[in-house]
Amino acid sequence: MIEPSADIAPSAIVAPSARVWHLAQVREDARIGEETIVGRGAYIGEGVRVGGRCKIQNYALIYEPASLADGVFVGPAAVLTNDHAPRAINADGTLKSASDWDHVGVTVERGAAIGARAVCVAPVRIGAWASVGAGAVVTRDVAPYALVVGVPARRVGWVGEAGVPLVAADDTASEAGDRTWVCPASGRRYVERDGALSPEEAQASSPHDAEMPDQTPEDQQ
């Protein structure tokens, strides 16, 4: 479903089950995955890749060459930038053109959530299932399952797939320094090791598998 007031470039590819609401703009060669919702007034830049079952809320701005995996949430008025040295003009006073700067993108991995009015300053990677708090300014990579808030954003905890902050399973770490966390919503357990978090069952079955990166939207579509 595409609202008549939405502006969809002819070369953009929007999945049949996706929904694009009023006044949204989807630029040239962008790709929108199955069951994804693009809210009112949202902007999807040229060549941006958005996976399936994402939610791009009202007036979010996603500039190229951003890449969003499946199940990503981008809150209202959040911004994913693409220039780490922005200028309107060159040193000689001439207006900058597309050839005068290098586009750098934000990569968001599977299931991650970016809160309302947060800004992700490219180039950064938001790890799988991470949560960026409302109004945060992300200037460096966010680890999978991390909960980050503030300006600049800092990790203040961990979250599980349910999006709920995890609680420590006990007050002491193991001899190896590992720490166990539990999701209050699902009961799922996670292990923190060397500053990284992964589900307990993944640690037990195959540490290598737990460290594998998520597929890109190109792999998934």
C-alpha atoms as a PDB file:
ATOM      1  CA  MET A   1       0.000   0.000   0.000  1.00  0.00           C
ATOM      2  CA  ILE A   2       1.435   3.343  -1.089  1.00  0.00           C
ATOM      3  CA  GLU A   3      -0.454   6.521  -0.284  1.00  0.00           C
ATOM      4  CA  PRO A   4      -1.015   8.779  -3.318  1.00  0.00           C
ATOM      5  CA  SER A   5       0.814  11.675  -1.641  1.00  0.00           C
ATOM      6  CA  ALA A   6       4.000   9.626  -1.164  1.00  0.00           C
ATOM      7  CA  ASP A   7       6.851  10.330  -3.592  1.00  0.00           C
ATOM      8  CA  ILE A   8       8.356   7.069  -4.837  1.00  0.00           C
ATOM      9  CA  ALA A   9      11.134   7.211  -7.422  1.00  0.00           C
ATOM     10  CA  PRO A  10      10.477   4.985 -10.464  1.00  0.00           C
ATOM     11  CA  SER A  11      13.718   3.074  -9.856  1.00  0.00           C
ATOM     12  CA  ALA A  12      12.956   2.397  -6.175  1.00  0.00           C
ATOM     13  CA  ILE A  13      11.890  -1.141  -5.300  1.00  0.00           C
ATOM     14  CA  VAL A  14       9.109  -1.346  -2.714  1.00  0.00           C
ATOM     15  CA  ALA A  15       7.959  -4.826  -1.679  1.00  0.00           C
ATOM     16  CA  PRO A  16       4.254  -5.538  -2.361  1.00  0.00           C
ATOM     17  CA  SER A  17       3.489  -6.020   1.346  1.00  0.00           C
ATOM     18  CA  ALA A  18       5.256  -2.811   2.438  1.00  0.00           C
ATOM     19  CA  ARG A  19       3.290   0.304   3.427  1.00  0.00           C
ATOM     20  CA  VAL A  20       4.380   3.838   2.612  1.00  0.00           C
ATOM     21  CA  TRP A  21       2.331   6.581   4.241  1.00  0.00           C
ATOM     22  CA  HIS A  22       1.452  10.184   3.401  1.00  0.00           C
ATOM     23  CA  LEU A  23       4.194  12.543   2.179  1.00  0.00           C
ATOM     24  CA  ALA A  24       7.004   9.990   2.578  1.00  0.00           C
ATOM     25  CA  GLN A  25       9.788  10.141  -0.008  1.00  0.00           C
ATOM     26  CA  VAL A  26      11.659   7.082  -1.276  1.00  0.00           C
ATOM     27  CA  ARG A  27      14.560   8.079  -3.531  1.00  0.00           C
ATOM     28  CA  GLU A  28      16.104   6.473  -6.588  1.00  0.00           C
ATOM     29  CA  ASP A  29      17.294   2.840  -6.333  1.00  0.00           C
ATOM     30  CA  ALA A  30      16.228   2.519  -2.691  1.00  0.00           C
ATOM     31  CA  ARG A  31      14.861  -0.867  -1.637  1.00  0.00           C
ATOM     32  CA  ILE A  32      12.121  -1.436   0.933  1.00  0.00           C
ATOM     33  CA  GLY A  33      11.590  -4.984   2.222  1.00  0.00           C
ATOM     34  CA  GLU A  34       8.477  -7.032   2.832  1.00  0.00           C
ATOM     35  CA  GLU A  35       6.024  -5.846   5.527  1.00  0.00           C
ATOM     36  CA  THR A  36       8.079  -2.741   6.235  1.00  0.00           C
ATOM     37  CA  ILE A  37       6.188   0.406   7.250  1.00  0.00           C
ATOM     38  CA  VAL A  38       7.435   3.847   6.209  1.00  0.00           C
ATOM     39  CA  GLY A  39       5.673   6.563   8.209  1.00  0.00           C
ATOM     40  CA  ARG A  40       4.320   9.962   7.273  1.00  0.00           C
ATOM     41  CA  GLY A  41       6.936  12.388   6.009  1.00  0.00           C
ATOM     42  CA  ALA A  42       9.810   9.916   6.318  1.00  0.00           C
ATOM     43  CA  TYR A  43      12.744  10.197   3.928  1.00  0.00           C
ATOM     44  CA  ILE A  44      14.584   7.190   2.476  1.00  0.00           C
ATOM     45  CA  GLY A  45      17.685   8.302   0.588  1.00  0.00           C
ATOM     46  CA  GLU A  46      19.007   7.243  -2.777  1.00  0.00           C
ATOM     47  CA  GLY A  47      20.158   3.621  -2.793  1.00  0.00           C
ATOM     48  CA  VAL A  48      19.288   3.020   0.876  1.00  0.00           C
ATOM     49  CA  ARG A  49      18.594  -0.619   1.752  1.00  0.00           C
ATOM     50  CA  VAL A  50      15.795  -1.346   4.225  1.00  0.00           C
ATOM     51  CA  GLY A  51      15.106  -4.961   5.169  1.00  0.00           C
ATOM     52  CA  GLY A  52      11.836  -6.692   5.913  1.00  0.00           C
ATOM     53  CA  ARG A  53       9.455  -5.940   8.803  1.00  0.00           C
ATOM     54  CA  CYS A  54      11.136  -2.643   9.657  1.00  0.00           C
ATOM     55  CA  LYS A  55       9.263   0.341  11.096  1.00  0.00           C
ATOM     56  CA  ILE A  56      10.400   3.762   9.934  1.00  0.00           C
ATOM     57  CA  GLN A  57       8.360   6.191  12.006  1.00  0.00           C
ATOM     58  CA  ASN A  58       7.016   9.620  11.037  1.00  0.00           C
ATOM     59  CA  TYR A  59       9.558  12.167   9.773  1.00  0.00           C
ATOM     60  CA  ALA A  60      12.579   9.904  10.233  1.00  0.00           C
ATOM     61  CA  LEU A  61      15.410  10.813   7.854  1.00  0.00           C
ATOM     62  CA  ILE A  62      17.581   8.000   6.507  1.00  0.00           C
ATOM     63  CA  TYR A  63      20.324   9.291   4.248  1.00  0.00           C
ATOM     64  CA  GLU A  64      22.292   7.247   1.758  1.00  0.00           C
ATOM     65  CA  PRO A  65      24.199   4.964   1.886  1.00  0.00           C
ATOM     66  CA  ALA A  66      22.499   3.684   5.045  1.00  0.00           C
ATOM     67  CA  SER A  67      21.713  -0.020   5.310  1.00  0.00           C
ATOM     68  CA  LEU A  68      19.046  -1.454   7.619  1.00  0.00           C
ATOM     69  CA  ALA A  69      18.689  -5.189   8.221  1.00  0.00           C
ATOM     70  CA  ASP A  70      15.412  -6.950   9.004  1.00  0.00           C
ATOM     71  CA  GLY A  71      13.265  -5.880  11.936  1.00  0.00           C
ATOM     72  CA  VAL A  72      14.836  -2.479  12.548  1.00  0.00           C
ATOM     73  CA  PHE A  73      12.875   0.275  14.331  1.00  0.00           C
ATOM     74  CA  VAL A  74      13.646   3.929  13.590  1.00  0.00           C
ATOM     75  CA  GLY A  75      11.718   6.301  15.847  1.00  0.00           C
ATOM     76  CA  PRO A  76       9.960   9.552  14.967  1.00  0.00           C
ATOM     77  CA  ALA A  77      12.247  12.316  13.671  1.00  0.00           C
ATOM     78  CA  ALA A  78      15.384  10.194  14.111  1.00  0.00           C
ATOM     79  CA  VAL A  79      18.227  11.010  11.705  1.00  0.00           C
ATOM     80  CA  LEU A  80      20.841   8.746  10.117  1.00  0.00           C
ATOM     81  CA  THR A  81      23.445  11.128   8.675  1.00  0.00           C
ATOM     82  CA  ASN A  82      25.872  10.604   5.793  1.00  0.00           C
ATOM     83  CA  ASP A  83      28.572  13.294   6.062  1.00  0.00           C
ATOM     84  CA  HIS A  84      31.145  13.562   8.871  1.00  0.00           C
ATOM     85  CA  ALA A  85      32.530  16.898   7.624  1.00  0.00           C
ATOM     86  CA  PRO A  86      29.460  18.824   6.443  1.00  0.00           C
ATOM     87  CA  ARG A  87      29.843  22.091   4.551  1.00  0.00           C
ATOM     88  CA  ALA A  88      27.535  23.936   2.151  1.00  0.00           C
ATOM     89  CA  ILE A  89      30.468  25.448   0.243  1.00  0.00           C
ATOM     90  CA  ASN A  90      34.020  24.572  -0.695  1.00  0.00           C
ATOM     91  CA  ALA A  91      37.028  26.488   0.629  1.00  0.00           C
ATOM     92  CA  ASP A  92      36.915  28.734  -2.444  1.00  0.00           C
ATOM     93  CA  GLY A  93      33.302  29.690  -1.734  1.00  0.00           C
ATOM     94  CA  THR A  94      31.736  27.616  -4.505  1.00  0.00           C
ATOM     95  CA  LEU A  95      28.642  25.581  -3.732  1.00  0.00           C
ATOM     96  CA  LYS A  96      29.436  21.965  -2.942  1.00  0.00           C
ATOM     97  CA  SER A  97      28.180  19.341  -5.381  1.00  0.00           C
ATOM     98  CA  ALA A  98      27.809  15.579  -4.987  1.00  0.00           C
ATOM     99  CA  SER A  99      31.357  15.098  -6.293  1.00  0.00           C
ATOM    100  CA  ASP A 100      32.846  17.333  -3.586  1.00  0.00           C
ATOM    101  CA  TRP A 101      32.273  15.008  -0.643  1.00  0.00           C
ATOM    102  CA  ASP A 102      32.254  11.331   0.261  1.00  0.00           C
ATOM    103  CA  HIS A 103      29.025   9.721   1.418  1.00  0.00           C
ATOM    104  CA  VAL A 104      29.406   7.595   4.554  1.00  0.00           C
ATOM    105  CA  GLY A 105      26.543   5.559   5.925  1.00  0.00           C
ATOM    106  CA  VAL A 106      24.979   4.171   9.074  1.00  0.00           C
ATOM    107  CA  THR A 107      24.563   0.394   9.252  1.00  0.00           C
ATOM    108  CA  VAL A 108      21.839  -0.977  11.509  1.00  0.00           C
ATOM    109  CA  GLU A 109      21.809  -4.692  12.228  1.00  0.00           C
ATOM    110  CA  ARG A 110      18.854  -6.987  12.770  1.00  0.00           C
ATOM    111  CA  GLY A 111      16.268  -6.093  15.393  1.00  0.00           C
ATOM    112  CA  ALA A 112      17.966  -2.908  16.596  1.00  0.00           C
ATOM    113  CA  ALA A 113      15.900   0.109  17.690  1.00  0.00           C
ATOM    114  CA  ILE A 114      16.706   3.819  17.374  1.00  0.00           C
ATOM    115  CA  GLY A 115      14.627   6.071  19.627  1.00  0.00           C
ATOM    116  CA  ALA A 116      12.732   9.240  18.760  1.00  0.00           C
ATOM    117  CA  ARG A 117      14.886  12.209  17.697  1.00  0.00           C
ATOM    118  CA  ALA A 118      18.094  10.225  18.076  1.00  0.00           C
ATOM    119  CA  VAL A 119      20.920  11.103  15.688  1.00  0.00           C
ATOM    120  CA  CYS A 120      23.352   8.515  14.368  1.00  0.00           C
ATOM    121  CA  VAL A 121      26.434  10.281  13.013  1.00  0.00           C
ATOM    122  CA  ALA A 122      27.913   8.275  10.150  1.00  0.00           C
ATOM    123  CA  PRO A 123      29.921   6.188   9.805  1.00  0.00           C
ATOM    124  CA  VAL A 124      28.673   4.024  12.684  1.00  0.00           C
ATOM    125  CA  ARG A 125      27.258   0.527  13.083  1.00  0.00           C
ATOM    126  CA  ILE A 126      24.348  -0.232  15.414  1.00  0.00           C
ATOM    127  CA  GLY A 127      24.640  -3.864  16.506  1.00  0.00           C
ATOM    128  CA  ALA A 128      21.889  -6.463  16.403  1.00  0.00           C
ATOM    129  CA  TRP A 129      19.102  -5.961  18.978  1.00  0.00           C
ATOM    130  CA  ALA A 130      20.786  -2.848  20.395  1.00  0.00           C
ATOM    131  CA  SER A 131      18.630   0.054  21.622  1.00  0.00           C
ATOM    132  CA  VAL A 132      19.473   3.731  21.176  1.00  0.00           C
ATOM    133  CA  GLY A 133      17.617   5.953  23.636  1.00  0.00           C
ATOM    134  CA  ALA A 134      15.438   8.869  22.561  1.00  0.00           C
ATOM    135  CA  GLY A 135      17.448  12.006  21.836  1.00  0.00           C
ATOM    136  CA  ALA A 136      20.809  10.233  21.946  1.00  0.00           C
ATOM    137  CA  VAL A 137      23.647  11.213  19.624  1.00  0.00           C
ATOM    138  CA  VAL A 138      25.574   8.156  18.461  1.00  0.00           C
ATOM    139  CA  THR A 139      29.139   8.936  17.412  1.00  0.00           C
ATOM    140  CA  ARG A 140      30.714   5.489  17.636  1.00  0.00           C
ATOM    141  CA  ASP A 141      29.698   1.874  17.034  1.00  0.00           C
ATOM    142  CA  VAL A 142      27.093   0.325  19.335  1.00  0.00           C
ATOM    143  CA  ALA A 143      27.610  -3.286  20.384  1.00  0.00           C
ATOM    144  CA  PRO A 144      24.888  -5.900  19.860  1.00  0.00           C
ATOM    145  CA  TYR A 145      22.328  -5.880  22.716  1.00  0.00           C
ATOM    146  CA  ALA A 146      23.747  -2.624  24.127  1.00  0.00           C
ATOM    147  CA  LEU A 147      21.473   0.066  25.571  1.00  0.00           C
ATOM    148  CA  VAL A 148      22.962   3.501  24.906  1.00  0.00           C
ATOM    149  CA  VAL A 149      21.723   6.946  25.934  1.00  0.00           C
ATOM    150  CA  GLY A 150      22.990  10.513  26.132  1.00  0.00           C
ATOM    151  CA  VAL A 151      25.070  13.013  24.178  1.00  0.00           C
ATOM    152  CA  PRO A 152      27.368  11.517  23.112  1.00  0.00           C
ATOM    153  CA  ALA A 153      25.731   8.122  23.575  1.00  0.00           C
ATOM    154  CA  ARG A 154      27.218   5.771  26.167  1.00  0.00           C
ATOM    155  CA  ARG A 155      26.266   2.254  27.138  1.00  0.00           C
ATOM    156  CA  VAL A 156      24.230   2.162  30.341  1.00  0.00           C
ATOM    157  CA  GLY A 157      23.058  -1.437  30.222  1.00  0.00           C
ATOM    158  CA  TRP A 158      22.020  -4.357  28.077  1.00  0.00           C
ATOM    159  CA  VAL A 159      18.718  -5.264  26.409  1.00  0.00           C
ATOM    160  CA  GLY A 160      17.363  -8.537  25.043  1.00  0.00           C
ATOM    161  CA  GLU A 161      15.314  -9.250  21.951  1.00  0.00           C
ATOM    162  CA  ALA A 162      12.192  -8.082  23.839  1.00  0.00           C
ATOM    163  CA  GLY A 163      13.728  -4.603  24.208  1.00  0.00           C
ATOM    164  CA  VAL A 164      13.566  -4.706  28.007  1.00  0.00           C
ATOM    165  CA  PRO A 165      16.691  -3.851  30.043  1.00  0.00           C
ATOM    166  CA  LEU A 166      18.347  -6.987  31.375  1.00  0.00           C
ATOM    167  CA  VAL A 167      18.967  -7.610  35.063  1.00  0.00           C
ATOM    168  CA  ALA A 168      21.981  -9.323  36.579  1.00  0.00           C
ATOM    169  CA  ALA A 169      21.365 -12.946  37.492  1.00  0.00           C
ATOM    170  CA  ASP A 170      23.582 -12.691  40.551  1.00  0.00           C
ATOM    171  CA  ASP A 171      25.958 -10.295  42.288  1.00  0.00           C
ATOM    172  CA  THR A 172      29.178 -12.065  41.425  1.00  0.00           C
ATOM    173  CA  ALA A 173      30.967 -12.829  38.192  1.00  0.00           C
ATOM    174  CA  SER A 174      32.432 -16.232  37.332  1.00  0.00           C
ATOM    175  CA  GLU A 175      36.104 -17.009  37.814  1.00  0.00           C
ATOM    176  CA  ALA A 176      36.617 -16.236  34.133  1.00  0.00           C
ATOM    177  CA  GLY A 177      34.994 -12.827  34.619  1.00  0.00           C
ATOM    178  CA  ASP A 178      31.800 -13.742  32.780  1.00  0.00           C
ATOM    179  CA  ARG A 179      28.501 -12.330  34.016  1.00  0.00           C
ATOM    180  CA  THR A 180      24.996 -13.666  33.458  1.00  0.00           C
ATOM    181  CA  TRP A 181      22.023 -11.450  32.664  1.00  0.00           C
ATOM    182  CA  VAL A 182      18.308 -12.276  32.458  1.00  0.00           C
ATOM    183  CA  CYS A 183      15.469 -10.720  30.477  1.00  0.00           C
ATOM    184  CA  PRO A 184      12.555  -9.940  32.858  1.00  0.00           C
ATOM    185  CA  ALA A 185      10.062 -10.279  30.003  1.00  0.00           C
ATOM    186  CA  SER A 186      11.129 -13.586  28.467  1.00  0.00           C
ATOM    187  CA  GLY A 187      13.384 -15.211  31.062  1.00  0.00           C
ATOM    188  CA  ARG A 188      16.066 -15.679  28.435  1.00  0.00           C
ATOM    189  CA  ARG A 189      19.601 -15.677  29.797  1.00  0.00           C
ATOM    190  CA  TYR A 190      22.630 -13.926  28.324  1.00  0.00           C
ATOM    191  CA  VAL A 191      26.338 -14.059  29.042  1.00  0.00           C
ATOM    192  CA  GLU A 192      28.596 -10.992  29.124  1.00  0.00           C
ATOM    193  CA  ARG A 193      32.150 -11.871  28.204  1.00  0.00           C
ATOM    194  CA  ASP A 194      34.995  -9.474  27.419  1.00  0.00           C
ATOM    195  CA  GLY A 195      32.588  -6.563  27.067  1.00  0.00           C
ATOM    196  CA  ALA A 196      30.268  -8.360  24.635  1.00  0.00           C
ATOM    197  CA  LEU A 197      26.885  -9.973  25.227  1.00  0.00           C
ATOM    198  CA  SER A 198      25.303 -13.011  23.591  1.00  0.00           C
ATOM    199  CA  PRO A 199      22.512 -15.473  24.446  1.00  0.00           C
ATOM    200  CA  GLU A 200      23.614 -18.150  26.875  1.00  0.00           C
ATOM    201  CA  GLU A 201      22.668 -20.979  24.508  1.00  0.00           C
ATOM    202  CA  ALA A 202      24.764 -19.443  21.736  1.00  0.00           C
ATOM    203  CA  GLN A 203      27.779 -19.334  24.048  1.00  0.00           C
ATOM    204  CA  ALA A 204      27.242 -22.964  24.970  1.00  0.00           C
ATOM    205  CA  SER A 205      26.730 -24.262  21.427  1.00  0.00           C
ATOM    206  CA  SER A 206      29.213 -22.320  19.339  1.00  0.00           C
ATOM    207  CA  PRO A 207      31.051 -19.151  20.343  1.00  0.00           C
ATOM    208  CA  HIS A 208      32.071 -18.674  16.711  1.00  0.00           C
ATOM    209  CA  ASP A 209      28.450 -18.624  15.542  1.00  0.00           C
ATOM    210  CA  ALA A 210      27.589 -16.016  18.183  1.00  0.00           C
ATOM    211  CA  GLU A 211      30.204 -13.690  16.727  1.00  0.00           C
ATOM    212  CA  MET A 212      29.075 -13.990  13.104  1.00  0.00           C
ATOM    213  CA  PRO A 213      27.661 -10.715  11.732  1.00  0.00           C
ATOM    214  CA  ASP A 214      24.044 -10.453  10.650  1.00  0.00           C
ATOM    215  CA  GLN A 215      23.207 -10.739   7.004  1.00  0.00           C
ATOM    216  CA  THR A 216      22.967  -7.563   5.014  1.00  0.00           C
ATOM    217  CA  PRO A 217      19.634  -6.632   3.458  1.00  0.00           C
ATOM    218  CA  GLU A 218      21.108  -7.617   0.080  1.00  0.00           C
ATOM    219  CA  ASP A 219      21.596 -11.168   1.377  1.00  0.00           C
ATOM    220  CA  GLN A 220      18.125 -11.306   2.867  1.00  0.00           C
ATOM    221  CA  GLN A 221      16.040 -10.061  -0.051  1.00  0.00           C
END
